[in-house]
PDB file of N, CA and C in Angstrom:
ATOM      1  N   UNK A   1     101.870-258.397  52.046  1.00  0.00           N
ATOM      2  CA  UNK A   1     100.832-257.964  51.122  1.00  0.00           C
ATOM      3  C   UNK A   1     101.296-256.750  50.321  1.00  0.00           C
ATOM      4  N   UNK A   2     101.916-255.789  51.010  1.00  0.00           N
ATOM      5  CA  UNK A   2     102.393-254.577  50.342  1.00  0.00           C
ATOM      6  C   UNK A   2     103.473-254.905  49.316  1.00  0.00           C
ATOM      7  N   UNK A   3     104.387-255.814  49.667  1.00  0.00           N
ATOM      8  CA  UNK A   3     105.454-256.211  48.742  1.00  0.00           C
ATOM      9  C   UNK A   3     104.893-256.905  47.510  1.00  0.00           C
ATOM     10  N   UNK A   4     103.854-257.697  47.676  1.00  0.00           N
ATOM     11  CA  UNK A   4     103.225-258.362  46.536  1.00  0.00           C
ATOM     12  C   UNK A   4     102.597-257.344  45.593  1.00  0.00           C
ATOM     13  N   UNK A   5     102.003-256.314  46.145  1.00  0.00           N
ATOM     14  CA  UNK A   5     101.393-255.264  45.325  1.00  0.00           C
ATOM     15  C   UNK A   5     102.452-254.522  44.522  1.00  0.00           C
ATOM     16  N   UNK A   6     103.585-254.247  45.127  1.00  0.00           N
ATOM     17  CA  UNK A   6     104.677-253.569  44.417  1.00  0.00           C
ATOM     18  C   UNK A   6     105.219-254.466  43.316  1.00  0.00           C
ATOM     19  N   UNK A   7     105.408-255.729  43.617  1.00  0.00           N
ATOM     20  CA  UNK A   7     105.907-256.674  42.634  1.00  0.00           C
ATOM     21  C   UNK A   7     104.939-256.802  41.460  1.00  0.00           C
ATOM     22  N   UNK A   8     103.660-256.916  41.748  1.00  0.00           N
ATOM     23  CA  UNK A   8     102.649-257.025  40.700  1.00  0.00           C
ATOM     24  C   UNK A   8     102.638-255.778  39.821  1.00  0.00           C
ATOM     25  N   UNK A   9     102.722-254.614  40.425  1.00  0.00           N
ATOM     26  CA  UNK A   9     102.748-253.359  39.672  1.00  0.00           C
ATOM     27  C   UNK A   9     103.972-253.304  38.772  1.00  0.00           C
ATOM     28  N   UNK A  10     105.119-253.701  39.284  1.00  0.00           N
ATOM     29  CA  UNK A  10     106.352-253.698  38.501  1.00  0.00           C
ATOM     30  C   UNK A  10     106.257-254.664  37.320  1.00  0.00           C
ATOM     31  N   UNK A  11     105.707-255.845  37.558  1.00  0.00           N
ATOM     32  CA  UNK A  11     105.561-256.824  36.481  1.00  0.00           C
ATOM     33  C   UNK A  11     104.598-256.336  35.404  1.00  0.00           C
ATOM     34  N   UNK A  12     103.529-255.693  35.809  1.00  0.00           N
ATOM     35  CA  UNK A  12     102.568-255.165  34.847  1.00  0.00           C
ATOM     36  C   UNK A  12     103.201-254.061  34.014  1.00  0.00           C
ATOM     37  N   UNK A  13     103.982-253.189  34.637  1.00  0.00           N
ATOM     38  CA  UNK A  13     104.652-252.111  33.912  1.00  0.00           C
ATOM     39  C   UNK A  13     105.650-252.690  32.923  1.00  0.00           C
ATOM     40  N   UNK A  14     106.422-253.686  33.350  1.00  0.00           N
ATOM     41  CA  UNK A  14     107.406-254.313  32.481  1.00  0.00           C
ATOM     42  C   UNK A  14     106.736-255.010  31.314  1.00  0.00           C
ATOM     43  N   UNK A  15     105.657-255.715  31.546  1.00  0.00           N
ATOM     44  CA  UNK A  15     104.991-256.444  30.468  1.00  0.00           C
ATOM     45  C   UNK A  15     104.372-255.492  29.465  1.00  0.00           C
ATOM     46  N   UNK A  16     103.874-254.354  29.900  1.00  0.00           N
ATOM     47  CA  UNK A  16     103.298-253.407  28.950  1.00  0.00           C
ATOM     48  C   UNK A  16     104.385-252.747  28.129  1.00  0.00           C
ATOM     49  N   UNK A  17     105.582-252.587  28.682  1.00  0.00           N
ATOM     50  CA  UNK A  17     106.679-252.012  27.930  1.00  0.00           C
ATOM     51  C   UNK A  17     107.159-252.955  26.840  1.00  0.00           C
ATOM     52  N   UNK A  18     107.144-254.227  27.098  1.00  0.00           N
ATOM     53  CA  UNK A  18     107.638-255.173  26.120  1.00  0.00           C
ATOM     54  C   UNK A  18     106.675-255.321  24.945  1.00  0.00           C
ATOM     55  N   UNK A  19     105.437-254.949  25.094  1.00  0.00           N
ATOM     56  CA  UNK A  19     104.463-255.070  24.025  1.00  0.00           C
ATOM     57  C   UNK A  19     104.319-253.796  23.205  1.00  0.00           C
ATOM     58  N   UNK A  20     104.964-252.723  23.592  1.00  0.00           N
ATOM     59  CA  UNK A  20     104.815-251.449  22.920  1.00  0.00           C
ATOM     60  C   UNK A  20     105.504-251.464  21.557  1.00  0.00           C
ATOM     61  N   UNK A  21     104.872-250.806  20.584  1.00  0.00           N
ATOM     62  CA  UNK A  21     105.471-250.677  19.259  1.00  0.00           C
ATOM     63  C   UNK A  21     106.731-249.834  19.361  1.00  0.00           C
ATOM     64  N   UNK A  22     107.705-250.131  18.501  1.00  0.00           N
ATOM     65  CA  UNK A  22     108.988-249.455  18.502  1.00  0.00           C
ATOM     66  C   UNK A  22     109.083-248.517  17.308  1.00  0.00           C
ATOM     67  N   UNK A  23     109.513-247.286  17.546  1.00  0.00           N
ATOM     68  CA  UNK A  23     109.718-246.347  16.450  1.00  0.00           C
ATOM     69  C   UNK A  23     110.967-246.759  15.681  1.00  0.00           C
ATOM     70  N   UNK A  24     110.885-246.699  14.342  1.00  0.00           N
ATOM     71  CA  UNK A  24     112.037-247.008  13.506  1.00  0.00           C
ATOM     72  C   UNK A  24     112.359-245.820  12.612  1.00  0.00           C
ATOM     73  N   UNK A  25     113.574-245.765  12.128  1.00  0.00           N
ATOM     74  CA  UNK A  25     114.059-244.680  11.270  1.00  0.00           C
ATOM     75  C   UNK A  25     113.954-245.074   9.795  1.00  0.00           C
ATOM     76  N   UNK A  26     114.191-244.109   8.905  1.00  0.00           N
ATOM     77  CA  UNK A  26     114.121-244.353   7.460  1.00  0.00           C
ATOM     78  C   UNK A  26     114.936-245.563   7.034  1.00  0.00           C
ATOM     79  N   UNK A  27     116.171-245.642   7.501  1.00  0.00           N
ATOM     80  CA  UNK A  27     117.067-246.709   7.073  1.00  0.00           C
ATOM     81  C   UNK A  27     116.586-248.094   7.497  1.00  0.00           C
ATOM     82  N   UNK A  28     115.728-248.167   8.503  1.00  0.00           N
ATOM     83  CA  UNK A  28     115.246-249.451   8.998  1.00  0.00           C
ATOM     84  C   UNK A  28     113.984-249.934   8.281  1.00  0.00           C
ATOM     85  N   UNK A  29     113.311-249.063   7.540  1.00  0.00           N
ATOM     86  CA  UNK A  29     112.057-249.449   6.900  1.00  0.00           C
ATOM     87  C   UNK A  29     112.270-250.442   5.762  1.00  0.00           C
ATOM     88  N   UNK A  30     113.444-250.427   5.125  1.00  0.00           N
ATOM     89  CA  UNK A  30     113.704-251.324   4.000  1.00  0.00           C
ATOM     90  C   UNK A  30     113.648-252.791   4.420  1.00  0.00           C
ATOM     91  N   UNK A  31     114.008-253.087   5.650  1.00  0.00           N
ATOM     92  CA  UNK A  31     114.009-254.464   6.123  1.00  0.00           C
ATOM     93  C   UNK A  31     112.689-254.950   6.684  1.00  0.00           C
ATOM     94  N   UNK A  32     111.687-254.102   6.701  1.00  0.00           N
ATOM     95  CA  UNK A  32     110.393-254.492   7.247  1.00  0.00           C
ATOM     96  C   UNK A  32     109.668-255.411   6.275  1.00  0.00           C
ATOM     97  N   UNK A  33     109.114-256.478   6.794  1.00  0.00           N
ATOM     98  CA  UNK A  33     108.475-257.489   5.953  1.00  0.00           C
ATOM     99  C   UNK A  33     107.013-257.191   5.668  1.00  0.00           C
ATOM    100  N   UNK A  34     106.272-256.726   6.655  1.00  0.00           N
ATOM    101  CA  UNK A  34     104.831-256.592   6.479  1.00  0.00           C
ATOM    102  C   UNK A  34     104.345-255.213   6.895  1.00  0.00           C
ATOM    103  N   UNK A  35     104.042-254.394   5.903  1.00  0.00           N
ATOM    104  CA  UNK A  35     103.437-253.094   6.166  1.00  0.00           C
ATOM    105  C   UNK A  35     101.965-253.334   6.471  1.00  0.00           C
ATOM    106  N   UNK A  36     101.513-252.837   7.619  1.00  0.00           N
ATOM    107  CA  UNK A  36     100.128-253.058   8.045  1.00  0.00           C
ATOM    108  C   UNK A  36      99.218-251.937   7.549  1.00  0.00           C
ATOM    109  N   UNK A  37      99.724-250.726   7.508  1.00  0.00           N
ATOM    110  CA  UNK A  37      98.904-249.604   7.076  1.00  0.00           C
ATOM    111  C   UNK A  37      99.466-248.286   7.550  1.00  0.00           C
ATOM    112  N   UNK A  38      98.606-247.291   7.601  1.00  0.00           N
ATOM    113  CA  UNK A  38      98.972-245.947   8.024  1.00  0.00           C
ATOM    114  C   UNK A  38      98.098-245.534   9.196  1.00  0.00           C
ATOM    115  N   UNK A  39      98.656-244.700  10.052  1.00  0.00           N
ATOM    116  CA  UNK A  39      97.892-244.162  11.181  1.00  0.00           C
ATOM    117  C   UNK A  39      98.113-242.660  11.238  1.00  0.00           C
ATOM    118  N   UNK A  40      97.192-241.963  11.879  1.00  0.00           N
ATOM    119  CA  UNK A  40      97.352-240.526  12.099  1.00  0.00           C
ATOM    120  C   UNK A  40      96.691-240.148  13.413  1.00  0.00           C
ATOM    121  N   UNK A  41      97.222-239.114  14.018  1.00  0.00           N
ATOM    122  CA  UNK A  41      96.663-238.594  15.266  1.00  0.00           C
ATOM    123  C   UNK A  41      96.627-237.080  15.200  1.00  0.00           C
ATOM    124  N   UNK A  42      95.687-236.502  15.916  1.00  0.00           N
ATOM    125  CA  UNK A  42      95.593-235.063  16.087  1.00  0.00           C
ATOM    126  C   UNK A  42      95.583-234.799  17.586  1.00  0.00           C
ATOM    127  N   UNK A  43      96.507-233.983  18.038  1.00  0.00           N
ATOM    128  CA  UNK A  43      96.605-233.665  19.461  1.00  0.00           C
ATOM    129  C   UNK A  43      96.287-232.184  19.633  1.00  0.00           C
ATOM    130  N   UNK A  44      95.187-231.909  20.291  1.00  0.00           N
ATOM    131  CA  UNK A  44      94.756-230.528  20.523  1.00  0.00           C
ATOM    132  C   UNK A  44      95.613-229.887  21.599  1.00  0.00           C
ATOM    133  N   UNK A  45      96.108-228.698  21.320  1.00  0.00           N
ATOM    134  CA  UNK A  45      96.924-227.942  22.275  1.00  0.00           C
ATOM    135  C   UNK A  45      98.029-228.813  22.866  1.00  0.00           C
ATOM    136  N   UNK A  46      98.722-229.552  22.030  1.00  0.00           N
ATOM    137  CA  UNK A  46      99.716-230.503  22.519  1.00  0.00           C
ATOM    138  C   UNK A  46     101.137-230.155  22.128  1.00  0.00           C
ATOM    139  N   UNK A  47     102.014-231.072  22.461  1.00  0.00           N
ATOM    140  CA  UNK A  47     103.424-230.954  22.130  1.00  0.00           C
ATOM    141  C   UNK A  47     103.784-232.049  21.123  1.00  0.00           C
ATOM    142  N   UNK A  48     104.953-231.910  20.523  1.00  0.00           N
ATOM    143  CA  UNK A  48     105.411-232.945  19.605  1.00  0.00           C
ATOM    144  C   UNK A  48     105.601-234.266  20.342  1.00  0.00           C
ATOM    145  N   UNK A  49     106.078-234.203  21.561  1.00  0.00           N
ATOM    146  CA  UNK A  49     106.265-235.421  22.359  1.00  0.00           C
ATOM    147  C   UNK A  49     104.937-236.123  22.615  1.00  0.00           C
ATOM    148  N   UNK A  50     103.887-235.346  22.900  1.00  0.00           N
ATOM    149  CA  UNK A  50     102.559-235.933  23.114  1.00  0.00           C
ATOM    150  C   UNK A  50     102.035-236.574  21.833  1.00  0.00           C
ATOM    151  N   UNK A  51     102.300-235.947  20.698  1.00  0.00           N
ATOM    152  CA  UNK A  51     101.865-236.513  19.421  1.00  0.00           C
ATOM    153  C   UNK A  51     102.609-237.813  19.133  1.00  0.00           C
ATOM    154  N   UNK A  52     103.903-237.858  19.426  1.00  0.00           N
ATOM    155  CA  UNK A  52     104.679-239.076  19.216  1.00  0.00           C
ATOM    156  C   UNK A  52     104.187-240.196  20.134  1.00  0.00           C
ATOM    157  N   UNK A  53     103.849-239.857  21.363  1.00  0.00           N
ATOM    158  CA  UNK A  53     103.303-240.858  22.294  1.00  0.00           C
ATOM    159  C   UNK A  53     101.943-241.352  21.806  1.00  0.00           C
ATOM    160  N   UNK A  54     101.141-240.455  21.254  1.00  0.00           N
ATOM    161  CA  UNK A  54      99.828-240.845  20.724  1.00  0.00           C
ATOM    162  C   UNK A  54      99.988-241.766  19.521  1.00  0.00           C
ATOM    163  N   UNK A  55     100.989-241.515  18.676  1.00  0.00           N
ATOM    164  CA  UNK A  55     101.254-242.415  17.547  1.00  0.00           C
ATOM    165  C   UNK A  55     101.641-243.801  18.037  1.00  0.00           C
ATOM    166  N   UNK A  56     102.488-243.852  19.046  1.00  0.00           N
ATOM    167  CA  UNK A  56     102.911-245.131  19.605  1.00  0.00           C
ATOM    168  C   UNK A  56     101.711-245.903  20.141  1.00  0.00           C
ATOM    169  N   UNK A  57     100.841-245.213  20.850  1.00  0.00           N
ATOM    170  CA  UNK A  57      99.647-245.850  21.407  1.00  0.00           C
ATOM    171  C   UNK A  57      98.720-246.340  20.293  1.00  0.00           C
ATOM    172  N   UNK A  58      98.570-245.546  19.251  1.00  0.00           N
ATOM    173  CA  UNK A  58      97.729-245.936  18.118  1.00  0.00           C
ATOM    174  C   UNK A  58      98.310-247.159  17.416  1.00  0.00           C
ATOM    175  N   UNK A  59      99.633-247.177  17.245  1.00  0.00           N
ATOM    176  CA  UNK A  59     100.296-248.334  16.620  1.00  0.00           C
ATOM    177  C   UNK A  59     100.070-249.586  17.462  1.00  0.00           C
ATOM    178  N   UNK A  60     100.198-249.451  18.777  1.00  0.00           N
ATOM    179  CA  UNK A  60      99.928-250.577  19.677  1.00  0.00           C
ATOM    180  C   UNK A  60      98.502-251.089  19.495  1.00  0.00           C
ATOM    181  N   UNK A  61      97.562-250.150  19.407  1.00  0.00           N
ATOM    182  CA  UNK A  61      96.159-250.519  19.261  1.00  0.00           C
ATOM    183  C   UNK A  61      95.874-251.263  17.967  1.00  0.00           C
ATOM    184  N   UNK A  62      96.682-251.024  16.942  1.00  0.00           N
ATOM    185  CA  UNK A  62      96.516-251.701  15.652  1.00  0.00           C
ATOM    186  C   UNK A  62      97.312-253.002  15.590  1.00  0.00           C
ATOM    187  N   UNK A  63      98.009-253.336  16.679  1.00  0.00           N
ATOM    188  CA  UNK A  63      98.766-254.578  16.719  1.00  0.00           C
ATOM    189  C   UNK A  63     100.111-254.516  16.019  1.00  0.00           C
ATOM    190  N   UNK A  64     100.611-253.317  15.780  1.00  0.00           N
ATOM    191  CA  UNK A  64     101.887-253.157  15.084  1.00  0.00           C
ATOM    192  C   UNK A  64     103.055-253.379  16.042  1.00  0.00           C
ATOM    193  N   UNK A  65     104.148-253.895  15.490  1.00  0.00           N
ATOM    194  CA  UNK A  65     105.374-254.042  16.261  1.00  0.00           C
ATOM    195  C   UNK A  65     106.263-252.816  16.094  1.00  0.00           C
ATOM    196  N   UNK A  66     106.159-252.172  14.923  1.00  0.00           N
ATOM    197  CA  UNK A  66     107.010-251.032  14.604  1.00  0.00           C
ATOM    198  C   UNK A  66     106.182-249.944  13.940  1.00  0.00           C
ATOM    199  N   UNK A  67     106.663-248.700  14.039  1.00  0.00           N
ATOM    200  CA  UNK A  67     106.041-247.596  13.314  1.00  0.00           C
ATOM    201  C   UNK A  67     107.117-246.617  12.869  1.00  0.00           C
ATOM    202  N   UNK A  68     106.875-245.982  11.733  1.00  0.00           N
ATOM    203  CA  UNK A  68     107.807-244.999  11.182  1.00  0.00           C
ATOM    204  C   UNK A  68     107.046-243.694  10.987  1.00  0.00           C
ATOM    205  N   UNK A  69     107.465-242.655  11.688  1.00  0.00           N
ATOM    206  CA  UNK A  69     106.795-241.357  11.608  1.00  0.00           C
ATOM    207  C   UNK A  69     107.071-240.750  10.233  1.00  0.00           C
ATOM    208  N   UNK A  70     105.999-240.390   9.529  1.00  0.00           N
ATOM    209  CA  UNK A  70     106.137-239.788   8.204  1.00  0.00           C
ATOM    210  C   UNK A  70     105.876-238.285   8.216  1.00  0.00           C
ATOM    211  N   UNK A  71     105.133-237.799   9.194  1.00  0.00           N
ATOM    212  CA  UNK A  71     104.948-236.351   9.330  1.00  0.00           C
ATOM    213  C   UNK A  71     104.637-236.015  10.781  1.00  0.00           C
ATOM    214  N   UNK A  72     105.088-234.840  11.169  1.00  0.00           N
ATOM    215  CA  UNK A  72     104.870-234.338  12.525  1.00  0.00           C
ATOM    216  C   UNK A  72     104.876-232.825  12.398  1.00  0.00           C
ATOM    217  N   UNK A  73     103.686-232.225  12.475  1.00  0.00           N
ATOM    218  CA  UNK A  73     103.615-230.795  12.188  1.00  0.00           C
ATOM    219  C   UNK A  73     102.577-230.078  13.035  1.00  0.00           C
ATOM    220  N   UNK A  74     102.843-228.814  13.234  1.00  0.00           N
ATOM    221  CA  UNK A  74     101.908-227.940  13.930  1.00  0.00           C
ATOM    222  C   UNK A  74     100.983-227.356  12.863  1.00  0.00           C
ATOM    223  N   UNK A  75      99.693-227.341  13.142  1.00  0.00           N
ATOM    224  CA  UNK A  75      98.702-226.834  12.197  1.00  0.00           C
ATOM    225  C   UNK A  75      98.667-225.311  12.235  1.00  0.00           C
ATOM    226  N   UNK A  76      99.354-224.683  11.290  1.00  0.00           N
ATOM    227  CA  UNK A  76      99.368-223.224  11.205  1.00  0.00           C
ATOM    228  C   UNK A  76      99.914-222.574  12.462  1.00  0.00           C
ATOM    229  N   UNK A  77      99.202-221.605  12.966  1.00  0.00           N
ATOM    230  CA  UNK A  77      99.621-220.886  14.165  1.00  0.00           C
ATOM    231  C   UNK A  77      98.990-221.465  15.428  1.00  0.00           C
ATOM    232  N   UNK A  78      98.219-222.529  15.275  1.00  0.00           N
ATOM    233  CA  UNK A  78      97.543-223.110  16.433  1.00  0.00           C
ATOM    234  C   UNK A  78      98.511-223.957  17.253  1.00  0.00           C
ATOM    235  N   UNK A  79      98.031-224.452  18.367  1.00  0.00           N
ATOM    236  CA  UNK A  79      98.822-225.332  19.228  1.00  0.00           C
ATOM    237  C   UNK A  79      98.519-226.798  18.949  1.00  0.00           C
ATOM    238  N   UNK A  80      97.741-227.057  17.898  1.00  0.00           N
ATOM    239  CA  UNK A  80      97.382-228.438  17.557  1.00  0.00           C
ATOM    240  C   UNK A  80      98.507-229.092  16.756  1.00  0.00           C
ATOM    241  N   UNK A  81      98.731-230.376  17.032  1.00  0.00           N
ATOM    242  CA  UNK A  81      99.772-231.137  16.352  1.00  0.00           C
ATOM    243  C   UNK A  81      99.110-232.273  15.572  1.00  0.00           C
ATOM    244  N   UNK A  82      99.528-232.466  14.327  1.00  0.00           N
ATOM    245  CA  UNK A  82      99.064-233.591  13.508  1.00  0.00           C
ATOM    246  C   UNK A  82     100.290-234.440  13.192  1.00  0.00           C
ATOM    247  N   UNK A  83     100.143-235.749  13.334  1.00  0.00           N
ATOM    248  CA  UNK A  83     101.244-236.670  13.076  1.00  0.00           C
ATOM    249  C   UNK A  83     100.727-237.889  12.330  1.00  0.00           C
ATOM    250  N   UNK A  84     101.551-238.426  11.431  1.00  0.00           N
ATOM    251  CA  UNK A  84     101.200-239.622  10.691  1.00  0.00           C
ATOM    252  C   UNK A  84     102.374-240.610  10.745  1.00  0.00           C
ATOM    253  N   UNK A  85     102.057-241.878  10.546  1.00  0.00           N
ATOM    254  CA  UNK A  85     103.091-242.909  10.555  1.00  0.00           C
ATOM    255  C   UNK A  85     102.646-244.110   9.731  1.00  0.00           C
ATOM    256  N   UNK A  86     103.626-244.878   9.274  1.00  0.00           N
ATOM    257  CA  UNK A  86     103.394-246.169   8.634  1.00  0.00           C
ATOM    258  C   UNK A  86     103.655-247.210   9.701  1.00  0.00           C
ATOM    259  N   UNK A  87     102.781-248.225   9.791  1.00  0.00           N
ATOM    260  CA  UNK A  87     102.955-249.262  10.811  1.00  0.00           C
ATOM    261  C   UNK A  87     103.305-250.596  10.165  1.00  0.00           C
ATOM    262  N   UNK A  88     104.101-251.386  10.905  1.00  0.00           N
ATOM    263  CA  UNK A  88     104.606-252.666  10.418  1.00  0.00           C
ATOM    264  C   UNK A  88     104.438-253.744  11.475  1.00  0.00           C
ATOM    265  N   UNK A  89     104.335-254.992  11.017  1.00  0.00           N
ATOM    266  CA  UNK A  89     104.334-256.149  11.905  1.00  0.00           C
ATOM    267  C   UNK A  89     105.643-256.858  11.784  1.00  0.00           C
TER     268      UNK A  89
END
């Protein structure tokens, strides 16, 4: 029973990884066929890594296969991070 639970957990983790949107670079955007739209996130008291993870999650939620980060910035002197991206299928 315990081994089945571990196997199930591993399979679920693997399947969620395969469905995650992939970040792409500037040079890769030219080959994208279908631009789906734009997304943005605001992370309160966060890090750039947390903002990038939030963009990935948002892209997944919109059904995108790929996303390209267009801005990643700290709002003034605060600890808040704002990030934007273009999403593609």
